[in-house]
Amino acid sequence: AEGAAEDSKKPGSRRFPRITRDTARPEGGGRAAGGDAPAPARQWP
């Protein structure tokens, strides 16, 4: 298991890791306003 973990952390590798540990945020899923704005302003759309 240690070898598999090391393979997925190679900096030059463009391969997807064997085990997915997180989900990617959708394209355009960032805040609509800056982080210092209140929550309703960040999610106005």
All heavy atoms as atom14 arrays in JSON, in Angstrom:
{
  "sequence": "AEGAAEDSKKPGSRRFPRITRDTARPEGGGRAAGGDAPAPARQWP",
  "atom14_mask": [
    [1, 1, 1, 1, 1, 0, 0, 0, 0, 0, 0, 0, 0, 0],
    [1, 1, 1, 1, 1, 1, 1, 1, 1, 0, 0, 0, 0, 0],
    [1, 1, 1, 1, 0, 0, 0, 0, 0, 0, 0, 0, 0, 0],
    [1, 1, 1, 1, 1, 0, 0, 0, 0, 0, 0, 0, 0, 0],
    [1, 1, 1, 1, 1, 0, 0, 0, 0, 0, 0, 0, 0, 0],
    [1, 1, 1, 1, 1, 1, 1, 1, 1, 0, 0, 0, 0, 0],
    [1, 1, 1, 1, 1, 1, 1, 1, 0, 0, 0, 0, 0, 0],
    [1, 1, 1, 1, 1, 1, 0, 0, 0, 0, 0, 0, 0, 0],
    [1, 1, 1, 1, 1, 1, 1, 1, 1, 0, 0, 0, 0, 0],
    [1, 1, 1, 1, 1, 1, 1, 1, 1, 0, 0, 0, 0, 0],
    [1, 1, 1, 1, 1, 1, 1, 0, 0, 0, 0, 0, 0, 0],
    [1, 1, 1, 1, 0, 0, 0, 0, 0, 0, 0, 0, 0, 0],
    [1, 1, 1, 1, 1, 1, 0, 0, 0, 0, 0, 0, 0, 0],
    [1, 1, 1, 1, 1, 1, 1, 1, 1, 1, 1, 0, 0, 0],
    [1, 1, 1, 1, 1, 1, 1, 1, 1, 1, 1, 0, 0, 0],
    [1, 1, 1, 1, 1, 1, 1, 1, 1, 1, 1, 0, 0, 0],
    [1, 1, 1, 1, 1, 1, 1, 0, 0, 0, 0, 0, 0, 0],
    [1, 1, 1, 1, 1, 1, 1, 1, 1, 1, 1, 0, 0, 0],
    [1, 1, 1, 1, 1, 1, 1, 1, 0, 0, 0, 0, 0, 0],
    [1, 1, 1, 1, 1, 1, 1, 0, 0, 0, 0, 0, 0, 0],
    [1, 1, 1, 1, 1, 1, 1, 1, 1, 1, 1, 0, 0, 0],
    [1, 1, 1, 1, 1, 1, 1, 1, 0, 0, 0, 0, 0, 0],
    [1, 1, 1, 1, 1, 1, 1, 0, 0, 0, 0, 0, 0, 0],
    [1, 1, 1, 1, 1, 0, 0, 0, 0, 0, 0, 0, 0, 0],
    [1, 1, 1, 1, 1, 1, 1, 1, 1, 1, 1, 0, 0, 0],
    [1, 1, 1, 1, 1, 1, 1, 0, 0, 0, 0, 0, 0, 0],
    [1, 1, 1, 1, 1, 1, 1, 1, 1, 0, 0, 0, 0, 0],
    [1, 1, 1, 1, 0, 0, 0, 0, 0, 0, 0, 0, 0, 0],
    [1, 1, 1, 1, 0, 0, 0, 0, 0, 0, 0, 0, 0, 0],
    [1, 1, 1, 1, 0, 0, 0, 0, 0, 0, 0, 0, 0, 0],
    [1, 1, 1, 1, 1, 1, 1, 1, 1, 1, 1, 0, 0, 0],
    [1, 1, 1, 1, 1, 0, 0, 0, 0, 0, 0, 0, 0, 0],
    [1, 1, 1, 1, 1, 0, 0, 0, 0, 0, 0, 0, 0, 0],
    [1, 1, 1, 1, 0, 0, 0, 0, 0, 0, 0, 0, 0, 0],
    [1, 1, 1, 1, 0, 0, 0, 0, 0, 0, 0, 0, 0, 0],
    [1, 1, 1, 1, 1, 1, 1, 1, 0, 0, 0, 0, 0, 0],
    [1, 1, 1, 1, 1, 0, 0, 0, 0, 0, 0, 0, 0, 0],
    [1, 1, 1, 1, 1, 1, 1, 0, 0, 0, 0, 0, 0, 0],
    [1, 1, 1, 1, 1, 0, 0, 0, 0, 0, 0, 0, 0, 0],
    [1, 1, 1, 1, 1, 1, 1, 0, 0, 0, 0, 0, 0, 0],
    [1, 1, 1, 1, 1, 0, 0, 0, 0, 0, 0, 0, 0, 0],
    [1, 1, 1, 1, 1, 1, 1, 1, 1, 1, 1, 0, 0, 0],
    [1, 1, 1, 1, 1, 1, 1, 1, 1, 0, 0, 0, 0, 0],
    [1, 1, 1, 1, 1, 1, 1, 1, 1, 1, 1, 1, 1, 1],
    [1, 1, 1, 1, 1, 1, 1, 0, 0, 0, 0, 0, 0, 0]
  ],
  "atom14_positions": [
    [[0.83, -1.21, 0.0], [0.0, 0.0, 0.0], [0.87, 1.26, 0.0], [0.48, 2.28, -0.54], [-0.92, 0.01, 1.22], [0.0, 0.0, 0.0], [0.0, 0.0, 0.0], [0.0, 0.0, 0.0], [0.0, 0.0, 0.0], [0.0, 0.0, 0.0], [0.0, 0.0, 0.0], [0.0, 0.0, 0.0], [0.0, 0.0, 0.0], [0.0, 0.0, 0.0]],
    [[2.06, 1.16, 0.61], [2.94, 2.33, 0.64], [3.42, 2.68, -0.76], [3.51, 3.85, -1.12], [4.13, 2.05, 1.56], [3.75, 1.89, 3.0], [4.94, 1.46, 3.84], [6.07, 1.4, 3.32], [4.74, 1.18, 5.03], [0.0, 0.0, 0.0], [0.0, 0.0, 0.0], [0.0, 0.0, 0.0], [0.0, 0.0, 0.0], [0.0, 0.0, 0.0]],
    [[3.73, 1.68, -1.57], [4.2, 1.92, -2.93], [3.12, 2.56, -3.79], [3.39, 3.44, -4.61], [0.0, 0.0, 0.0], [0.0, 0.0, 0.0], [0.0, 0.0, 0.0], [0.0, 0.0, 0.0], [0.0, 0.0, 0.0], [0.0, 0.0, 0.0], [0.0, 0.0, 0.0], [0.0, 0.0, 0.0], [0.0, 0.0, 0.0], [0.0, 0.0, 0.0]],
    [[1.88, 2.15, -3.61], [0.77, 2.73, -4.38], [0.55, 4.18, -3.99], [0.26, 5.02, -4.82], [-0.5, 1.92, -4.17], [0.0, 0.0, 0.0], [0.0, 0.0, 0.0], [0.0, 0.0, 0.0], [0.0, 0.0, 0.0], [0.0, 0.0, 0.0], [0.0, 0.0, 0.0], [0.0, 0.0, 0.0], [0.0, 0.0, 0.0], [0.0, 0.0, 0.0]],
    [[0.71, 4.49, -2.7], [0.54, 5.87, -2.24], [1.65, 6.75, -2.78], [1.42, 7.91, -3.14], [0.52, 5.92, -0.71], [0.0, 0.0, 0.0], [0.0, 0.0, 0.0], [0.0, 0.0, 0.0], [0.0, 0.0, 0.0], [0.0, 0.0, 0.0], [0.0, 0.0, 0.0], [0.0, 0.0, 0.0], [0.0, 0.0, 0.0], [0.0, 0.0, 0.0]],
    [[2.87, 6.22, -2.86], [3.97, 7.0, -3.4], [3.8, 7.25, -4.89], [4.14, 8.31, -5.39], [5.29, 6.27, -3.13], [5.67, 6.24, -1.66], [6.9, 5.38, -1.41], [7.55, 4.97, -2.39], [7.21, 5.11, -0.24], [0.0, 0.0, 0.0], [0.0, 0.0, 0.0], [0.0, 0.0, 0.0], [0.0, 0.0, 0.0], [0.0, 0.0, 0.0]],
    [[3.26, 6.26, -5.63], [3.05, 6.42, -7.06], [2.08, 7.54, -7.37], [2.24, 8.27, -8.35], [2.52, 5.12, -7.68], [3.61, 4.04, -7.75], [4.79, 4.41, -7.64], [3.24, 2.87, -7.91], [0.0, 0.0, 0.0], [0.0, 0.0, 0.0], [0.0, 0.0, 0.0], [0.0, 0.0, 0.0], [0.0, 0.0, 0.0], [0.0, 0.0, 0.0]],
    [[1.04, 7.69, -6.54], [0.03, 8.71, -6.84], [0.51, 10.12, -6.48], [-0.1, 11.09, -6.89], [-1.27, 8.4, -6.08], [-1.04, 8.51, -4.69], [0.0, 0.0, 0.0], [0.0, 0.0, 0.0], [0.0, 0.0, 0.0], [0.0, 0.0, 0.0], [0.0, 0.0, 0.0], [0.0, 0.0, 0.0], [0.0, 0.0, 0.0], [0.0, 0.0, 0.0]],
    [[1.61, 10.25, -5.74], [2.11, 11.56, -5.33], [3.27, 12.05, -6.18], [3.89, 13.04, -5.86], [2.53, 11.52, -3.86], [1.39, 11.32, -2.9], [1.87, 11.33, -1.47], [0.74, 11.07, -0.5], [1.18, 11.08, 0.87], [0.0, 0.0, 0.0], [0.0, 0.0, 0.0], [0.0, 0.0, 0.0], [0.0, 0.0, 0.0], [0.0, 0.0, 0.0]],
    [[3.59, 11.37, -7.26], [4.68, 11.8, -8.11], [4.36, 13.16, -8.72], [3.29, 13.35, -9.28], [4.91, 10.79, -9.23], [5.51, 9.5, -8.76], [5.75, 8.58, -9.94], [6.29, 7.25, -9.47], [6.47, 6.34, -10.6], [0.0, 0.0, 0.0], [0.0, 0.0, 0.0], [0.0, 0.0, 0.0], [0.0, 0.0, 0.0], [0.0, 0.0, 0.0]],
    [[5.28, 14.12, -8.61], [4.97, 15.46, -9.09], [4.84, 15.55, -10.61], [4.08, 16.34, -11.12], [6.14, 16.31, -8.6], [7.24, 15.34, -8.34], [6.59, 14.03, -8.0], [0.0, 0.0, 0.0], [0.0, 0.0, 0.0], [0.0, 0.0, 0.0], [0.0, 0.0, 0.0], [0.0, 0.0, 0.0], [0.0, 0.0, 0.0], [0.0, 0.0, 0.0]],
    [[5.54, 14.72, -11.38], [5.51, 14.82, -12.82], [4.44, 13.95, -13.46], [4.23, 14.02, -14.67], [0.0, 0.0, 0.0], [0.0, 0.0, 0.0], [0.0, 0.0, 0.0], [0.0, 0.0, 0.0], [0.0, 0.0, 0.0], [0.0, 0.0, 0.0], [0.0, 0.0, 0.0], [0.0, 0.0, 0.0], [0.0, 0.0, 0.0], [0.0, 0.0, 0.0]],
    [[3.73, 13.15, -12.69], [2.75, 12.23, -13.25], [1.44, 12.96, -13.56], [0.96, 13.76, -12.77], [2.47, 11.1, -12.26], [1.44, 10.28, -12.75], [0.0, 0.0, 0.0], [0.0, 0.0, 0.0], [0.0, 0.0, 0.0], [0.0, 0.0, 0.0], [0.0, 0.0, 0.0], [0.0, 0.0, 0.0], [0.0, 0.0, 0.0], [0.0, 0.0, 0.0]],
    [[0.88, 12.67, -14.74], [-0.41, 13.26, -15.11], [-1.53, 12.24, -14.98], [-2.65, 12.51, -15.36], [-0.33, 13.78, -16.53], [0.66, 14.95, -16.63], [0.65, 15.54, -17.98], [-0.65, 16.18, -18.18], [-1.1, 16.6, -19.34], [-0.36, 16.46, -20.41], [-2.27, 17.15, -19.46], [0.0, 0.0, 0.0], [0.0, 0.0, 0.0], [0.0, 0.0, 0.0]],
    [[-1.21, 11.07, -14.47], [-2.22, 10.03, -14.31], [-3.12, 10.34, -13.12], [-2.7, 10.94, -12.13], [-1.57, 8.67, -14.08], [-0.85, 8.15, -15.27], [-0.35, 6.77, -15.0], [0.33, 6.28, -16.18], [0.68, 5.04, -16.34], [0.41, 4.14, -15.39], [1.3, 4.65, -17.43], [0.0, 0.0, 0.0], [0.0, 0.0, 0.0], [0.0, 0.0, 0.0]],
    [[-4.35, 9.88, -13.23], [-5.27, 10.02, -12.12], [-4.87, 9.06, -11.01], [-4.38, 7.96, -11.29], [-6.7, 9.73, -12.55], [-7.27, 10.77, -13.46], [-7.47, 10.53, -14.8], [-7.61, 12.01, -12.96], [-8.0, 11.49, -15.64], [-8.14, 12.99, -13.78], [-8.33, 12.73, -15.12], [0.0, 0.0, 0.0], [0.0, 0.0, 0.0], [0.0, 0.0, 0.0]],
    [[-5.06, 9.43, -9.76], [-4.74, 8.51, -8.67], [-5.65, 7.29, -8.72], [-6.77, 7.35, -9.23], [-4.97, 9.34, -7.41], [-5.83, 10.45, -7.82], [-5.57, 10.7, -9.26], [0.0, 0.0, 0.0], [0.0, 0.0, 0.0], [0.0, 0.0, 0.0], [0.0, 0.0, 0.0], [0.0, 0.0, 0.0], [0.0, 0.0, 0.0], [0.0, 0.0, 0.0]],
    [[-5.18, 6.19, -8.18], [-5.97, 4.96, -8.18], [-7.2, 5.08, -7.28], [-8.23, 4.51, -7.55], [-5.12, 3.79, -7.72], [-4.04, 3.44, -8.69], [-3.21, 2.31, -8.12], [-2.01, 2.15, -8.92], [-1.65, 1.01, -9.45], [-2.37, -0.07, -9.26], [-0.56, 0.95, -10.17], [0.0, 0.0, 0.0], [0.0, 0.0, 0.0], [0.0, 0.0, 0.0]],
    [[-7.07, 5.81, -6.2], [-8.18, 5.99, -5.26], [-8.54, 7.46, -5.22], [-7.7, 8.32, -4.98], [-7.77, 5.52, -3.85], [-7.39, 4.04, -3.87], [-8.89, 5.77, -2.86], [-6.8, 3.54, -2.58], [0.0, 0.0, 0.0], [0.0, 0.0, 0.0], [0.0, 0.0, 0.0], [0.0, 0.0, 0.0], [0.0, 0.0, 0.0], [0.0, 0.0, 0.0]],
    [[-9.82, 7.76, -5.45], [-10.29, 9.13, -5.4], [-10.63, 9.48, -3.96], [-11.42, 8.79, -3.32], [-11.54, 9.31, -6.28], [-11.21, 8.88, -7.59], [-11.99, 10.74, -6.3], [0.0, 0.0, 0.0], [0.0, 0.0, 0.0], [0.0, 0.0, 0.0], [0.0, 0.0, 0.0], [0.0, 0.0, 0.0], [0.0, 0.0, 0.0], [0.0, 0.0, 0.0]],
    [[-10.03, 10.54, -3.46], [-10.26, 10.94, -2.07], [-11.08, 12.21, -1.94], [-11.46, 12.59, -0.86], [-8.9, 11.13, -1.39], [-8.16, 9.84, -1.21], [-6.94, 10.03, -0.33], [-6.35, 8.75, 0.02], [-5.52, 8.08, -0.75], [-5.17, 8.57, -1.92], [-5.02, 6.93, -0.37], [0.0, 0.0, 0.0], [0.0, 0.0, 0.0], [0.0, 0.0, 0.0]],
    [[-11.37, 12.86, -3.04], [-12.1, 14.12, -2.98], [-12.81, 14.32, -4.32], [-12.5, 13.66, -5.3], [-11.11, 15.27, -2.73], [-11.81, 16.53, -2.26], [-13.02, 16.48, -2.0], [-11.13, 17.56, -2.15], [0.0, 0.0, 0.0], [0.0, 0.0, 0.0], [0.0, 0.0, 0.0], [0.0, 0.0, 0.0], [0.0, 0.0, 0.0], [0.0, 0.0, 0.0]],
    [[-13.76, 15.21, -4.35], [-14.43, 15.53, -5.61], [-14.01, 16.93, -6.05], [-13.79, 17.81, -5.22], [-15.96, 15.5, -5.47], [-16.35, 16.37, -4.41], [-16.45, 14.1, -5.15], [0.0, 0.0, 0.0], [0.0, 0.0, 0.0], [0.0, 0.0, 0.0], [0.0, 0.0, 0.0], [0.0, 0.0, 0.0], [0.0, 0.0, 0.0], [0.0, 0.0, 0.0]],
    [[-13.92, 17.1, -7.34], [-13.53, 18.4, -7.86], [-14.73, 19.33, -7.85], [-15.86, 18.92, -8.09], [-13.0, 18.25, -9.29], [0.0, 0.0, 0.0], [0.0, 0.0, 0.0], [0.0, 0.0, 0.0], [0.0, 0.0, 0.0], [0.0, 0.0, 0.0], [0.0, 0.0, 0.0], [0.0, 0.0, 0.0], [0.0, 0.0, 0.0], [0.0, 0.0, 0.0]],
    [[-14.47, 20.59, -7.59], [-15.52, 21.6, -7.63], [-15.93, 21.8, -9.08], [-15.08, 21.77, -9.97], [-14.99, 22.9, -7.03], [-16.06, 23.95, -6.87], [-15.55, 25.12, -6.1], [-14.51, 25.79, -6.87], [-13.67, 26.66, -6.35], [-13.71, 26.93, -5.08], [-12.77, 27.24, -7.1], [0.0, 0.0, 0.0], [0.0, 0.0, 0.0], [0.0, 0.0, 0.0]],
    [[-17.23, 21.99, -9.37], [-17.65, 22.17, -10.76], [-16.99, 23.4, -11.38], [-16.66, 24.36, -10.69], [-19.15, 22.36, -10.68], [-19.55, 21.98, -9.31], [-18.34, 22.04, -8.45], [0.0, 0.0, 0.0], [0.0, 0.0, 0.0], [0.0, 0.0, 0.0], [0.0, 0.0, 0.0], [0.0, 0.0, 0.0], [0.0, 0.0, 0.0], [0.0, 0.0, 0.0]],
    [[-16.83, 23.34, -12.68], [-16.28, 24.47, -13.42], [-17.17, 25.69, -13.19], [-18.37, 25.65, -13.42], [-16.26, 24.1, -14.91], [-16.0, 25.23, -15.83], [-16.29, 24.83, -17.27], [-16.46, 23.64, -17.56], [-16.34, 25.74, -18.09], [0.0, 0.0, 0.0], [0.0, 0.0, 0.0], [0.0, 0.0, 0.0], [0.0, 0.0, 0.0], [0.0, 0.0, 0.0]],
    [[-16.61, 26.77, -12.71], [-17.4, 27.97, -12.42], [-18.01, 27.96, -11.04], [-18.83, 28.81, -10.71], [0.0, 0.0, 0.0], [0.0, 0.0, 0.0], [0.0, 0.0, 0.0], [0.0, 0.0, 0.0], [0.0, 0.0, 0.0], [0.0, 0.0, 0.0], [0.0, 0.0, 0.0], [0.0, 0.0, 0.0], [0.0, 0.0, 0.0], [0.0, 0.0, 0.0]],
    [[-17.64, 26.99, -10.21], [-18.25, 26.87, -8.89], [-17.65, 27.77, -7.84], [-17.97, 27.65, -6.68], [0.0, 0.0, 0.0], [0.0, 0.0, 0.0], [0.0, 0.0, 0.0], [0.0, 0.0, 0.0], [0.0, 0.0, 0.0], [0.0, 0.0, 0.0], [0.0, 0.0, 0.0], [0.0, 0.0, 0.0], [0.0, 0.0, 0.0], [0.0, 0.0, 0.0]],
    [[-16.77, 28.69, -8.24], [-16.19, 29.62, -7.27], [-17.21, 30.65, -6.83], [-18.3, 30.79, -7.38], [0.0, 0.0, 0.0], [0.0, 0.0, 0.0], [0.0, 0.0, 0.0], [0.0, 0.0, 0.0], [0.0, 0.0, 0.0], [0.0, 0.0, 0.0], [0.0, 0.0, 0.0], [0.0, 0.0, 0.0], [0.0, 0.0, 0.0], [0.0, 0.0, 0.0]],
    [[-16.85, 31.42, -5.85], [-17.76, 32.44, -5.31], [-18.02, 33.52, -6.35], [-17.14, 33.92, -7.09], [-17.14, 33.09, -4.08], [-16.96, 32.13, -2.95], [-16.22, 32.81, -1.83], [-16.14, 31.93, -0.69], [-15.22, 32.02, 0.23], [-14.29, 32.93, 0.15], [-15.22, 31.19, 1.25], [0.0, 0.0, 0.0], [0.0, 0.0, 0.0], [0.0, 0.0, 0.0]],
    [[-19.25, 34.03, -6.38], [-19.62, 35.08, -7.31], [-19.12, 36.44, -6.82], [-19.09, 37.4, -7.58], [-21.13, 35.12, -7.51], [0.0, 0.0, 0.0], [0.0, 0.0, 0.0], [0.0, 0.0, 0.0], [0.0, 0.0, 0.0], [0.0, 0.0, 0.0], [0.0, 0.0, 0.0], [0.0, 0.0, 0.0], [0.0, 0.0, 0.0], [0.0, 0.0, 0.0]],
    [[-18.76, 36.53, -5.56], [-18.17, 37.74, -4.98], [-17.0, 37.29, -4.11], [-16.84, 36.11, -3.82], [-19.2, 38.5, -4.16], [0.0, 0.0, 0.0], [0.0, 0.0, 0.0], [0.0, 0.0, 0.0], [0.0, 0.0, 0.0], [0.0, 0.0, 0.0], [0.0, 0.0, 0.0], [0.0, 0.0, 0.0], [0.0, 0.0, 0.0], [0.0, 0.0, 0.0]],
    [[-16.17, 38.24, -3.68], [-15.0, 37.92, -2.89], [-15.32, 37.28, -1.56], [-16.45, 37.35, -1.07], [0.0, 0.0, 0.0], [0.0, 0.0, 0.0], [0.0, 0.0, 0.0], [0.0, 0.0, 0.0], [0.0, 0.0, 0.0], [0.0, 0.0, 0.0], [0.0, 0.0, 0.0], [0.0, 0.0, 0.0], [0.0, 0.0, 0.0], [0.0, 0.0, 0.0]],
    [[-14.32, 36.64, -0.97], [-14.5, 35.97, 0.31], [-14.83, 36.9, 1.46], [-15.38, 36.48, 2.46], [0.0, 0.0, 0.0], [0.0, 0.0, 0.0], [0.0, 0.0, 0.0], [0.0, 0.0, 0.0], [0.0, 0.0, 0.0], [0.0, 0.0, 0.0], [0.0, 0.0, 0.0], [0.0, 0.0, 0.0], [0.0, 0.0, 0.0], [0.0, 0.0, 0.0]],
    [[-14.51, 38.2, 1.32], [-14.81, 39.15, 2.39], [-16.26, 39.63, 2.34], [-16.75, 40.24, 3.28], [-13.87, 40.35, 2.31], [-13.88, 41.03, 0.95], [-14.34, 40.39, -0.02], [-13.43, 42.18, 0.86], [0.0, 0.0, 0.0], [0.0, 0.0, 0.0], [0.0, 0.0, 0.0], [0.0, 0.0, 0.0], [0.0, 0.0, 0.0], [0.0, 0.0, 0.0]],
    [[-16.98, 39.33, 1.26], [-18.38, 39.73, 1.13], [-19.25, 38.79, 1.97], [-18.89, 37.64, 2.22], [-18.82, 39.67, -0.33], [0.0, 0.0, 0.0], [0.0, 0.0, 0.0], [0.0, 0.0, 0.0], [0.0, 0.0, 0.0], [0.0, 0.0, 0.0], [0.0, 0.0, 0.0], [0.0, 0.0, 0.0], [0.0, 0.0, 0.0], [0.0, 0.0, 0.0]],
    [[-20.42, 39.27, 2.42], [-21.32, 38.39, 3.18], [-21.83, 37.24, 2.3], [-21.82, 37.33, 1.08], [-22.45, 39.31, 3.63], [-22.36, 40.51, 2.77], [-20.95, 40.62, 2.3], [0.0, 0.0, 0.0], [0.0, 0.0, 0.0], [0.0, 0.0, 0.0], [0.0, 0.0, 0.0], [0.0, 0.0, 0.0], [0.0, 0.0, 0.0], [0.0, 0.0, 0.0]],
    [[-22.31, 36.19, 2.95], [-22.74, 34.98, 2.24], [-23.78, 35.24, 1.15], [-23.66, 34.7, 0.06], [-23.25, 33.94, 3.24], [0.0, 0.0, 0.0], [0.0, 0.0, 0.0], [0.0, 0.0, 0.0], [0.0, 0.0, 0.0], [0.0, 0.0, 0.0], [0.0, 0.0, 0.0], [0.0, 0.0, 0.0], [0.0, 0.0, 0.0], [0.0, 0.0, 0.0]],
    [[-24.83, 36.06, 1.39], [-25.79, 36.29, 0.3], [-25.16, 36.94, -0.93], [-25.53, 36.61, -2.06], [-26.84, 37.2, 0.92], [-26.74, 36.95, 2.38], [-25.29, 36.65, 2.63], [0.0, 0.0, 0.0], [0.0, 0.0, 0.0], [0.0, 0.0, 0.0], [0.0, 0.0, 0.0], [0.0, 0.0, 0.0], [0.0, 0.0, 0.0], [0.0, 0.0, 0.0]],
    [[-24.19, 37.8, -0.74], [-23.54, 38.45, -1.88], [-22.67, 37.47, -2.65], [-22.55, 37.56, -3.86], [-22.7, 39.63, -1.4], [0.0, 0.0, 0.0], [0.0, 0.0, 0.0], [0.0, 0.0, 0.0], [0.0, 0.0, 0.0], [0.0, 0.0, 0.0], [0.0, 0.0, 0.0], [0.0, 0.0, 0.0], [0.0, 0.0, 0.0], [0.0, 0.0, 0.0]],
    [[-22.11, 36.49, -1.95], [-21.26, 35.5, -2.62], [-22.08, 34.53, -3.45], [-21.6, 33.95, -4.39], [-20.44, 34.72, -1.59], [-19.38, 35.55, -0.92], [-18.42, 34.69, -0.12], [-19.05, 33.8, 0.82], [-19.11, 34.01, 2.13], [-18.59, 35.09, 2.65], [-19.7, 33.14, 2.92], [0.0, 0.0, 0.0], [0.0, 0.0, 0.0], [0.0, 0.0, 0.0]],
    [[-23.34, 34.34, -3.1], [-24.2, 33.36, -3.78], [-25.38, 34.04, -4.48], [-26.44, 33.44, -4.65], [-24.72, 32.34, -2.75], [-23.65, 31.54, -2.08], [-22.85, 30.69, -3.04], [-23.32, 30.29, -4.09], [-21.6, 30.44, -2.69], [0.0, 0.0, 0.0], [0.0, 0.0, 0.0], [0.0, 0.0, 0.0], [0.0, 0.0, 0.0], [0.0, 0.0, 0.0]],
    [[-25.21, 35.28, -4.94], [-26.34, 36.02, -5.51], [-26.95, 35.36, -6.74], [-28.18, 35.46, -6.92], [-25.97, 37.47, -5.78], [-25.05, 37.69, -6.94], [-23.7, 37.82, -6.92], [-25.42, 37.81, -8.32], [-23.21, 37.98, -8.18], [-24.24, 37.99, -9.06], [-26.64, 37.77, -9.0], [-24.24, 38.14, -10.44], [-26.64, 37.92, -10.37], [-25.46, 38.1, -11.08]],
    [[-26.22, 34.63, -7.6], [-26.9, 33.99, -8.74], [-27.93, 32.94, -8.29], [-29.05, 32.9, -8.8], [-25.76, 33.35, -9.54], [-24.55, 34.13, -9.18], [-24.75, 34.49, -7.74], [0.0, 0.0, 0.0], [0.0, 0.0, 0.0], [0.0, 0.0, 0.0], [0.0, 0.0, 0.0], [0.0, 0.0, 0.0], [0.0, 0.0, 0.0], [0.0, 0.0, 0.0]]
  ]
}
